[in-house]
Every structure is written in C-alpha cells, then in structure tokens.
C-alpha atoms as a PDB file:
ATOM      1  CA  MET A   1     -15.661 -31.213  70.214  1.00  0.00           C
ATOM      2  CA  HIS A   2     -13.465 -33.034  67.155  1.00  0.00           C
ATOM      3  CA  ARG A   3     -12.095 -29.810  64.592  1.00  0.00           C
ATOM      4  CA  LEU A   4     -13.146 -30.846  61.063  1.00  0.00           C
ATOM      5  CA  VAL A   5     -10.228 -30.986  58.818  1.00  0.00           C
ATOM      6  CA  GLU A   6      -9.591 -28.305  56.916  1.00  0.00           C
ATOM      7  CA  ASN A   7      -9.492 -29.516  52.966  1.00  0.00           C
ATOM      8  CA  ASN A   8      -6.549 -27.387  52.023  1.00  0.00           C
ATOM      9  CA  LYS A   9      -4.789 -29.904  49.510  1.00  0.00           C
ATOM     10  CA  GLY A  10      -3.302 -27.765  46.493  1.00  0.00           C
ATOM     11  CA  PHE A  11      -2.879 -29.411  42.826  1.00  0.00           C
ATOM     12  CA  THR A  12      -0.751 -32.348  42.000  1.00  0.00           C
ATOM     13  CA  THR A  13       2.118 -32.522  39.849  1.00  0.00           C
ATOM     14  CA  LEU A  14      -0.430 -34.298  36.950  1.00  0.00           C
ATOM     15  CA  GLU A  15      -2.978 -31.831  38.116  1.00  0.00           C
ATOM     16  CA  VAL A  16      -0.412 -29.127  36.820  1.00  0.00           C
ATOM     17  CA  ILE A  17       0.684 -31.103  33.891  1.00  0.00           C
ATOM     18  CA  VAL A  18      -3.065 -31.606  32.290  1.00  0.00           C
ATOM     19  CA  VAL A  19      -3.618 -27.930  32.967  1.00  0.00           C
ATOM     20  CA  LEU A  20      -0.634 -26.843  30.625  1.00  0.00           C
ATOM     21  CA  CYS A  21      -0.861 -29.472  27.821  1.00  0.00           C
ATOM     22  CA  ILE A  22      -4.465 -28.008  27.916  1.00  0.00           C
ATOM     23  CA  VAL A  23      -3.449 -24.501  27.195  1.00  0.00           C
ATOM     24  CA  GLY A  24      -0.592 -25.191  25.388  1.00  0.00           C
ATOM     25  CA  VAL A  25      -3.006 -26.872  22.852  1.00  0.00           C
ATOM     26  CA  LEU A  26      -5.386 -24.131  22.494  1.00  0.00           C
ATOM     27  CA  ALA A  27      -2.203 -21.905  22.244  1.00  0.00           C
ATOM     28  CA  ALA A  28      -1.247 -24.184  19.555  1.00  0.00           C
ATOM     29  CA  ILE A  29      -4.285 -23.487  17.789  1.00  0.00           C
ATOM     30  CA  SER A  30      -4.749 -20.400  18.529  1.00  0.00           C
ATOM     31  CA  TYR A  31      -1.575 -18.880  17.072  1.00  0.00           C
ATOM     32  CA  PRO A  32      -1.956 -18.979  13.735  1.00  0.00           C
ATOM     33  CA  ARG A  33      -4.579 -17.773  13.319  1.00  0.00           C
ATOM     34  CA  ILE A  34      -3.951 -14.822  15.715  1.00  0.00           C
ATOM     35  CA  SER A  35      -0.641 -14.617  13.588  1.00  0.00           C
ATOM     36  CA  ASP A  36      -2.366 -14.074   9.659  1.00  0.00           C
ATOM     37  CA  TRP A  37      -4.485 -10.902  11.481  1.00  0.00           C
ATOM     38  CA  ASN A  38      -1.425  -9.261  12.701  1.00  0.00           C
ATOM     39  CA  LYS A  39       0.423  -9.977   9.301  1.00  0.00           C
ATOM     40  CA  ALA A  40      -3.493  -8.831   7.473  1.00  0.00           C
ATOM     41  CA  ARG A  41      -3.543  -6.258   9.783  1.00  0.00           C
ATOM     42  CA  ALA A  42       0.132  -4.720   9.002  1.00  0.00           C
ATOM     43  CA  VAL A  43      -1.009  -5.235   5.164  1.00  0.00           C
ATOM     44  CA  GLN A  44      -3.109  -2.842   5.312  1.00  0.00           C
ATOM     45  CA  SER A  45      -2.069  -0.309   7.237  1.00  0.00           C
ATOM     46  CA  ASP A  46       0.482  -0.191   4.307  1.00  0.00           C
ATOM     47  CA  VAL A  47      -2.293   0.301   1.728  1.00  0.00           C
ATOM     48  CA  LEU A  48      -4.325   2.466   3.884  1.00  0.00           C
ATOM     49  CA  LYS A  49      -0.549   4.817   3.550  1.00  0.00           C
ATOM     50  CA  ALA A  50       0.127   3.889   0.329  1.00  0.00           C
ATOM     51  CA  PHE A  51      -3.526   5.023  -0.398  1.00  0.00           C
ATOM     52  CA  ASN A  52      -3.887   8.481   2.026  1.00  0.00           C
ATOM     53  CA  VAL A  53      -0.973   9.687  -0.655  1.00  0.00           C
ATOM     54  CA  PHE A  54      -2.744   9.316  -3.856  1.00  0.00           C
ATOM     55  CA  ASP A  55      -5.898  10.047  -2.698  1.00  0.00           C
ATOM     56  CA  LYS A  56      -4.421  13.341   0.003  1.00  0.00           C
ATOM     57  CA  ILE A  57      -2.881  14.814  -3.296  1.00  0.00           C
ATOM     58  CA  ASN A  58      -5.925  14.610  -6.015  1.00  0.00           C
ATOM     59  CA  SER A  59      -7.759  16.180  -3.134  1.00  0.00           C
ATOM     60  CA  GLN A  60      -5.397  19.639  -3.397  1.00  0.00           C
ATOM     61  CA  VAL A  61      -5.409  19.983  -6.840  1.00  0.00           C
ATOM     62  CA  GLN A  62      -9.172  19.905  -6.821  1.00  0.00           C
ATOM     63  CA  ARG A  63      -8.638  22.259  -4.164  1.00  0.00           C
ATOM     64  CA  GLY A  64      -6.560  24.600  -6.483  1.00  0.00           C
ATOM     65  CA  LEU A  65      -3.706  24.366  -4.153  1.00  0.00           C
ATOM     66  CA  TYR A  66      -1.903  22.975  -7.239  1.00  0.00           C
ATOM     67  CA  ALA A  67      -1.939  23.060 -11.268  1.00  0.00           C
ATOM     68  CA  PHE A  68      -0.199  19.551 -11.648  1.00  0.00           C
ATOM     69  CA  VAL A  69       1.079  16.822  -9.150  1.00  0.00           C
ATOM     70  CA  GLN A  70       3.138  14.058  -9.586  1.00  0.00           C
ATOM     71  CA  VAL A  71       2.652  10.626  -7.318  1.00  0.00           C
ATOM     72  CA  TYR A  72       5.976   8.825  -7.410  1.00  0.00           C
ATOM     73  CA  ILE A  73       6.575   5.244  -7.181  1.00  0.00           C
ATOM     74  CA  ILE A  74      10.448   3.377  -6.553  1.00  0.00           C
ATOM     75  CA  ASN A  75      10.030  -0.535  -5.931  1.00  0.00           C
ATOM     76  CA  GLU A  76      12.959  -1.267  -4.321  1.00  0.00           C
ATOM     77  CA  VAL A  77      14.124  -4.681  -4.181  1.00  0.00           C
ATOM     78  CA  SER A  78      17.373  -6.018  -2.662  1.00  0.00           C
ATOM     79  CA  ASP A  79      18.278  -9.916  -1.777  1.00  0.00           C
ATOM     80  CA  ASP A  80      19.357  -8.625   1.721  1.00  0.00           C
ATOM     81  CA  ALA A  81      16.754  -6.333   2.868  1.00  0.00           C
ATOM     82  CA  GLY A  82      14.008  -7.789   1.006  1.00  0.00           C
ATOM     83  CA  THR A  83      11.551  -5.201  -1.302  1.00  0.00           C
ATOM     84  CA  SER A  84      10.392  -1.811   0.454  1.00  0.00           C
ATOM     85  CA  ILE A  85       8.290   0.516  -2.241  1.00  0.00           C
ATOM     86  CA  THR A  86       8.204   4.322  -1.286  1.00  0.00           C
ATOM     87  CA  ILE A  87       5.186   6.307  -2.406  1.00  0.00           C
ATOM     88  CA  THR A  88       5.835  10.610  -2.829  1.00  0.00           C
ATOM     89  CA  SER A  89       3.552  13.588  -4.103  1.00  0.00           C
ATOM     90  CA  ARG A  90       4.857  16.045  -5.831  1.00  0.00           C
ATOM     91  CA  GLY A  91       2.886  19.449  -6.429  1.00  0.00           C
ATOM     92  CA  ILE A  92       3.190  22.719  -8.396  1.00  0.00           C
ATOM     93  CA  THR A  93       1.006  25.863  -8.356  1.00  0.00           C
ATOM     94  CA  ALA A  94      -0.368  27.235 -11.857  1.00  0.00           C
ATOM     95  CA  ASP A  95       2.276  29.663 -11.579  1.00  0.00           C
ATOM     96  CA  THR A  96       4.397  27.213 -11.808  1.00  0.00           C
ATOM     97  CA  LEU A  97       2.298  25.016 -13.868  1.00  0.00           C
ATOM     98  CA  GLY A  98       2.270  28.164 -16.892  1.00  0.00           C
ATOM     99  CA  ASP A  99       6.178  28.478 -17.168  1.00  0.00           C
ATOM    100  CA  LYS A 100       6.405  24.456 -18.101  1.00  0.00           C
ATOM    101  CA  ILE A 101       4.068  25.006 -20.870  1.00  0.00           C
ATOM    102  CA  THR A 102       5.682  27.764 -22.252  1.00  0.00           C
ATOM    103  CA  SER A 103       9.223  26.224 -22.054  1.00  0.00           C
ATOM    104  CA  GLY A 104       7.502  23.570 -25.040  1.00  0.00           C
ATOM    105  CA  ALA A 105       8.999  20.514 -23.997  1.00  0.00           C
ATOM    106  CA  PHE A 106       6.000  20.374 -21.159  1.00  0.00           C
ATOM    107  CA  ARG A 107       3.874  19.427 -23.591  1.00  0.00           C
ATOM    108  CA  ASN A 108       5.447  15.965 -24.847  1.00  0.00           C
ATOM    109  CA  ALA A 109       2.950  13.854 -22.131  1.00  0.00           C
ATOM    110  CA  SER A 110       6.555  11.420 -22.470  1.00  0.00           C
ATOM    111  CA  GLU A 111       8.372  13.898 -21.199  1.00  0.00           C
ATOM    112  CA  ARG A 112       5.565  15.930 -18.566  1.00  0.00           C
ATOM    113  CA  CYS A 113       5.893  12.764 -15.842  1.00  0.00           C
ATOM    114  CA  SER A 114       9.072  11.417 -15.944  1.00  0.00           C
ATOM    115  CA  ALA A 115      10.435  10.222 -12.780  1.00  0.00           C
ATOM    116  CA  ASP A 116      13.574  12.782 -13.088  1.00  0.00           C
ATOM    117  CA  ILE A 117      11.209  16.205 -14.013  1.00  0.00           C
ATOM    118  CA  ALA A 118      12.670  19.341 -11.599  1.00  0.00           C
ATOM    119  CA  ASP A 119      11.455  22.047 -10.232  1.00  0.00           C
ATOM    120  CA  TRP A 120       8.427  21.244  -8.114  1.00  0.00           C
ATOM    121  CA  ASP A 121       7.482  23.794  -5.682  1.00  0.00           C
ATOM    122  CA  HIS A 122       6.984  20.595  -3.248  1.00  0.00           C
ATOM    123  CA  ASP A 123       8.158  17.461  -2.919  1.00  0.00           C
ATOM    124  CA  GLY A 124       6.679  14.798  -0.302  1.00  0.00           C
ATOM    125  CA  THR A 125      10.475  13.656   0.023  1.00  0.00           C
ATOM    126  CA  ILE A 126      12.716  16.923   1.197  1.00  0.00           C
ATOM    127  CA  SER A 127       9.347  19.373   2.365  1.00  0.00           C
ATOM    128  CA  ASP A 128       7.638  19.531   5.568  1.00  0.00           C
ATOM    129  CA  ARG A 129       4.227  20.839   4.136  1.00  0.00           C
ATOM    130  CA  PRO A 130       0.563  18.595   4.962  1.00  0.00           C
ATOM    131  CA  GLU A 131      -0.457  18.884   1.580  1.00  0.00           C
ATOM    132  CA  VAL A 132       2.575  16.957   0.326  1.00  0.00           C
ATOM    133  CA  SER A 133       4.459  13.759   1.843  1.00  0.00           C
ATOM    134  CA  SER A 134       6.002  11.007   1.739  1.00  0.00           C
ATOM    135  CA  VAL A 135       5.676   7.307   2.752  1.00  0.00           C
ATOM    136  CA  VAL A 136       7.773   4.236   2.693  1.00  0.00           C
ATOM    137  CA  LEU A 137       6.140   0.433   2.717  1.00  0.00           C
ATOM    138  CA  ASP A 138       8.154  -2.445   4.181  1.00  0.00           C
ATOM    139  CA  ASN A 139       5.375  -4.989   4.147  1.00  0.00           C
ATOM    140  CA  LEU A 140       3.692  -4.983   0.193  1.00  0.00           C
ATOM    141  CA  GLU A 141       5.323  -5.838  -3.172  1.00  0.00           C
ATOM    142  CA  THR A 142       3.770  -4.232  -6.534  1.00  0.00           C
ATOM    143  CA  ILE A 143       3.475  -6.063  -9.806  1.00  0.00           C
ATOM    144  CA  LEU A 144       6.440  -2.953 -10.798  1.00  0.00           C
ATOM    145  CA  PRO A 145       9.391  -5.266 -11.893  1.00  0.00           C
ATOM    146  CA  ALA A 146      12.284  -4.748  -9.528  1.00  0.00           C
ATOM    147  CA  ASP A 147      14.018  -0.928  -9.441  1.00  0.00           C
ATOM    148  CA  ALA A 148      11.283   0.424 -10.839  1.00  0.00           C
ATOM    149  CA  GLU A 149      10.769   4.282 -11.190  1.00  0.00           C
ATOM    150  CA  GLU A 150       7.246   5.825 -12.101  1.00  0.00           C
ATOM    151  CA  GLY A 151       5.281   8.345 -12.135  1.00  0.00           C
ATOM    152  CA  VAL A 152       1.048   9.445 -12.323  1.00  0.00           C
ATOM    153  CA  CYS A 153       0.148  12.719 -12.754  1.00  0.00           C
ATOM    154  CA  PHE A 154      -2.899  14.702 -12.960  1.00  0.00           C
ATOM    155  CA  SER A 155      -4.251  18.322 -13.083  1.00  0.00           C
ATOM    156  CA  LYS A 156      -8.334  19.346 -11.934  1.00  0.00           C
ATOM    157  CA  ASP A 157      -8.944  19.391 -15.442  1.00  0.00           C
ATOM    158  CA  GLY A 158      -7.488  16.627 -16.751  1.00  0.00           C
ATOM    159  CA  ARG A 159      -5.843  17.482 -19.426  1.00  0.00           C
ATOM    160  CA  TRP A 160      -2.743  16.827 -17.902  1.00  0.00           C
ATOM    161  CA  TYR A 161      -3.238  13.257 -17.352  1.00  0.00           C
ATOM    162  CA  SER A 162       0.223  11.451 -17.499  1.00  0.00           C
ATOM    163  CA  THR A 163       2.633   8.961 -16.838  1.00  0.00           C
ATOM    164  CA  THR A 164       5.898   7.271 -16.899  1.00  0.00           C
ATOM    165  CA  ASP A 165       6.422   4.534 -19.626  1.00  0.00           C
ATOM    166  CA  GLY A 166       6.164   2.108 -17.074  1.00  0.00           C
ATOM    167  CA  LEU A 167       2.083   2.872 -15.710  1.00  0.00           C
ATOM    168  CA  ALA A 168       1.518   4.003 -19.605  1.00  0.00           C
ATOM    169  CA  GLY A 169      -1.993   2.201 -20.361  1.00  0.00           C
ATOM    170  CA  VAL A 170      -3.212   1.256 -17.061  1.00  0.00           C
ATOM    171  CA  ASN A 171      -5.021   3.201 -14.509  1.00  0.00           C
ATOM    172  CA  PHE A 172      -4.042   0.875 -11.272  1.00  0.00           C
ATOM    173  CA  LEU A 173      -1.330  -0.126  -8.986  1.00  0.00           C
ATOM    174  CA  GLU A 174      -1.107  -3.273  -7.561  1.00  0.00           C
ATOM    175  CA  LEU A 175      -0.473  -4.127  -4.024  1.00  0.00           C
ATOM    176  CA  PHE A 176      -0.358  -7.065  -1.999  1.00  0.00           C
ATOM    177  CA  GLY A 177       2.034  -8.680   0.914  1.00  0.00           C
ATOM    178  CA  THR A 178       5.324  -9.326   1.884  1.00  0.00           C
ATOM    179  CA  GLY A 179       7.300 -13.334   1.108  1.00  0.00           C
ATOM    180  CA  GLY A 180       5.936 -14.817   4.510  1.00  0.00           C
ATOM    181  CA  LEU A 181       3.280 -12.655   5.658  1.00  0.00           C
ATOM    182  CA  CYS A 182       0.126 -14.008   3.001  1.00  0.00           C
ATOM    183  CA  ASP A 183       0.590 -17.557   1.705  1.00  0.00           C
ATOM    184  CA  ARG A 184       0.762 -17.543  -1.982  1.00  0.00           C
ATOM    185  CA  HIS A 185      -2.231 -18.910  -4.076  1.00  0.00           C
ATOM    186  CA  LEU A 186      -3.388 -18.968  -7.510  1.00  0.00           C
ATOM    187  CA  ASN A 187      -5.398 -16.162  -8.444  1.00  0.00           C
ATOM    188  CA  PRO A 188      -8.039 -17.227  -9.911  1.00  0.00           C
ATOM    189  CA  ARG A 189      -8.319 -14.346 -12.040  1.00  0.00           C
ATOM    190  CA  ASP A 190      -5.611 -16.367 -14.030  1.00  0.00           C
ATOM    191  CA  GLU A 191      -4.352 -20.070 -12.955  1.00  0.00           C
ATOM    192  CA  MET A 192      -0.902 -19.202 -14.461  1.00  0.00           C
ATOM    193  CA  ASP A 193      -0.352 -16.016 -12.079  1.00  0.00           C
ATOM    194  CA  ILE A 194       0.351 -16.712  -8.804  1.00  0.00           C
ATOM    195  CA  ARG A 195      -0.512 -13.697  -6.619  1.00  0.00           C
ATOM    196  CA  ARG A 196       0.242 -13.601  -2.469  1.00  0.00           C
ATOM    197  CA  GLY A 197      -3.996 -14.410  -0.182  1.00  0.00           C
ATOM    198  CA  PRO A 198      -6.852 -12.530  -0.678  1.00  0.00           C
ATOM    199  CA  GLN A 199      -6.586 -11.284   2.728  1.00  0.00           C
ATOM    200  CA  CYS A 200      -3.325  -9.315   0.863  1.00  0.00           C
ATOM    201  CA  ASP A 201      -4.626  -7.951  -2.697  1.00  0.00           C
ATOM    202  CA  TYR A 202      -5.516  -4.918  -2.953  1.00  0.00           C
ATOM    203  CA  ARG A 203      -4.958  -2.418  -5.781  1.00  0.00           C
ATOM    204  CA  ILE A 204      -5.757   1.600  -5.974  1.00  0.00           C
ATOM    205  CA  ILE A 205      -7.060   3.064  -8.875  1.00  0.00           C
ATOM    206  CA  TRP A 206      -7.614   6.239 -10.711  1.00  0.00           C
ATOM    207  CA  SER A 207      -9.008   7.858 -13.252  1.00  0.00           C
ATOM    208  CA  ARG A 208      -7.026  10.511 -15.972  1.00  0.00           C
ATOM    209  CA  PHE A 209      -9.435  13.233 -13.517  1.00  0.00           C
ATOM    210  CA  GLY A 210      -7.354  12.214 -10.503  1.00  0.00           C
ATOM    211  CA  ASN A 211     -10.528   9.824  -9.329  1.00  0.00           C
ATOM    212  CA  ILE A 212      -9.041   7.484  -6.790  1.00  0.00           C
ATOM    213  CA  LYS A 213     -10.516   4.022  -5.095  1.00  0.00           C
ATOM    214  CA  LEU A 214      -9.061   2.120  -2.989  1.00  0.00           C
ATOM    215  CA  GLU A 215      -9.858  -1.990  -3.473  1.00  0.00           C
ATOM    216  CA  LYS A 216      -9.629  -5.494  -2.361  1.00  0.00           C
ATOM    217  CA  TRP A 217     -10.337  -8.929  -3.777  1.00  0.00           C
ATOM    218  CA  ALA A 218     -12.710 -10.867  -2.337  1.00  0.00           C
ATOM    219  CA  GLU A 219     -12.115 -14.320  -3.499  1.00  0.00           C
ATOM    220  CA  VAL A 220     -15.769 -15.031  -2.838  1.00  0.00           C
ATOM    221  CA  LYS A 221     -17.533 -13.330  -4.853  1.00  0.00           C
ATOM    222  CA  GLY A 222     -14.912 -13.893  -7.375  1.00  0.00           C
ATOM    223  CA  ASP A 223     -14.388  -9.837  -8.042  1.00  0.00           C
ATOM    224  CA  TRP A 224     -13.238  -7.031  -6.334  1.00  0.00           C
ATOM    225  CA  VAL A 225     -14.579  -5.012  -3.838  1.00  0.00           C
ATOM    226  CA  THR A 226     -14.924  -0.823  -3.219  1.00  0.00           C
ATOM    227  CA  GLN A 227     -12.852  -0.515   0.463  1.00  0.00           C
END
C-alpha cells in the first residue's frame, strides 16, 4: 500500500511578503490613532494633577485645617526645555491669619496673595505634609504669559479671597496640550484665537468661596462640559 504523501509545504516567500505588507499597512493606519490617544491621555493626566492641587487645598480650608490658602502657579517657558508649569498649594492656620490681619498689610487685597508673601505655615514645595502639594506639568501650556508667577487665594467664608494681578478679574485657569501633543485648530469660540485640539482644552474654575470645578471643551456641543 502506498503511503499518502504528507503536504508539509510551508509559506512561500511571496506569501510572507504579502502578510508583512498587510501588517505594515494596518500598523500605519492604527499608529496615529494610538499615538493621539496616548498623547491625549498624557495631557488629561497632567490636567487632573493640576485640578487635584486646587481641590485638595480647598478641602483643607473647608475642614478648618487652614484659614487661608494659596494656589501658586509658575509658567516657565524656555527655548531649550519647552514649557513647564508648576502648581503649588500653601496654607496658614487661623492663628497665623490672625497675626497677619493685625499687621494691617494683609488687609490690602493686592498684597495678601502676592507671589512673594512670606510665612506660610506649610508650603507644598518644601513640606512633606499631605495637605499641601506641588506638581510640575510638562505636557501642558496655559494662557498665562511666559515666565508668569501668579496666585489665587481662598478663605472659608470668601472674605479674604484675592488673586495676584495676572489673575485679577479671572476665575479660571485654562490648560491645553503642549506643542506636538495635539493638533492646532481655530478655536470655534473665536476665529482669531488659535488653540490646540478640542481633546486637549481644559479649564479649572473657582469661585471666591473656593468651589473648584474642572471643565473640558466639547467641540461638538460648542461649549464647556463639566468633567
């Protein structure tokens, strides 16, 4: 009886080339989407870090741990290192606040939230206390001028609410992805205003009573949406 000859023939060179071409095409198609997703996630992660600094220090005011707090923002821009935003929270207790009020200068709204105000009981850049914090954000840009140093300050009843000059009359900090992370586009809110892609446009809003909210620009709705 003759044995059946087994067909053990492998892939031909042509078949391997065809498969590799198909894989290459699929990878080329999917890579931009995966890359955009990763970039948007990096931006969102930094935005949440910034929001948490605002939200956490506000919660300490509401609990009574601090009587007066500041969120301090540094927008560093350089040709070599690019953009880096540092956001730090600071706080003083009721006793320290009382001493400052007695001194008189604290009653001046333009001075009490000054970026160089001294004698914070706890400063996120040098303290290891969990109530205060400091984050450096490399995936974000902001509408603040280059190398600006600004602050917004809160107290529980809103009485001592104040800002530095650069945030005077403003109740939000807008944040968006750094160059290369998101495509530029004409902002639908203002045709002369060029911003990043809608997936990278966020803002942190506050009130004089410290209510903190995070919003994202929704291009489909043409409006801000609470996150």
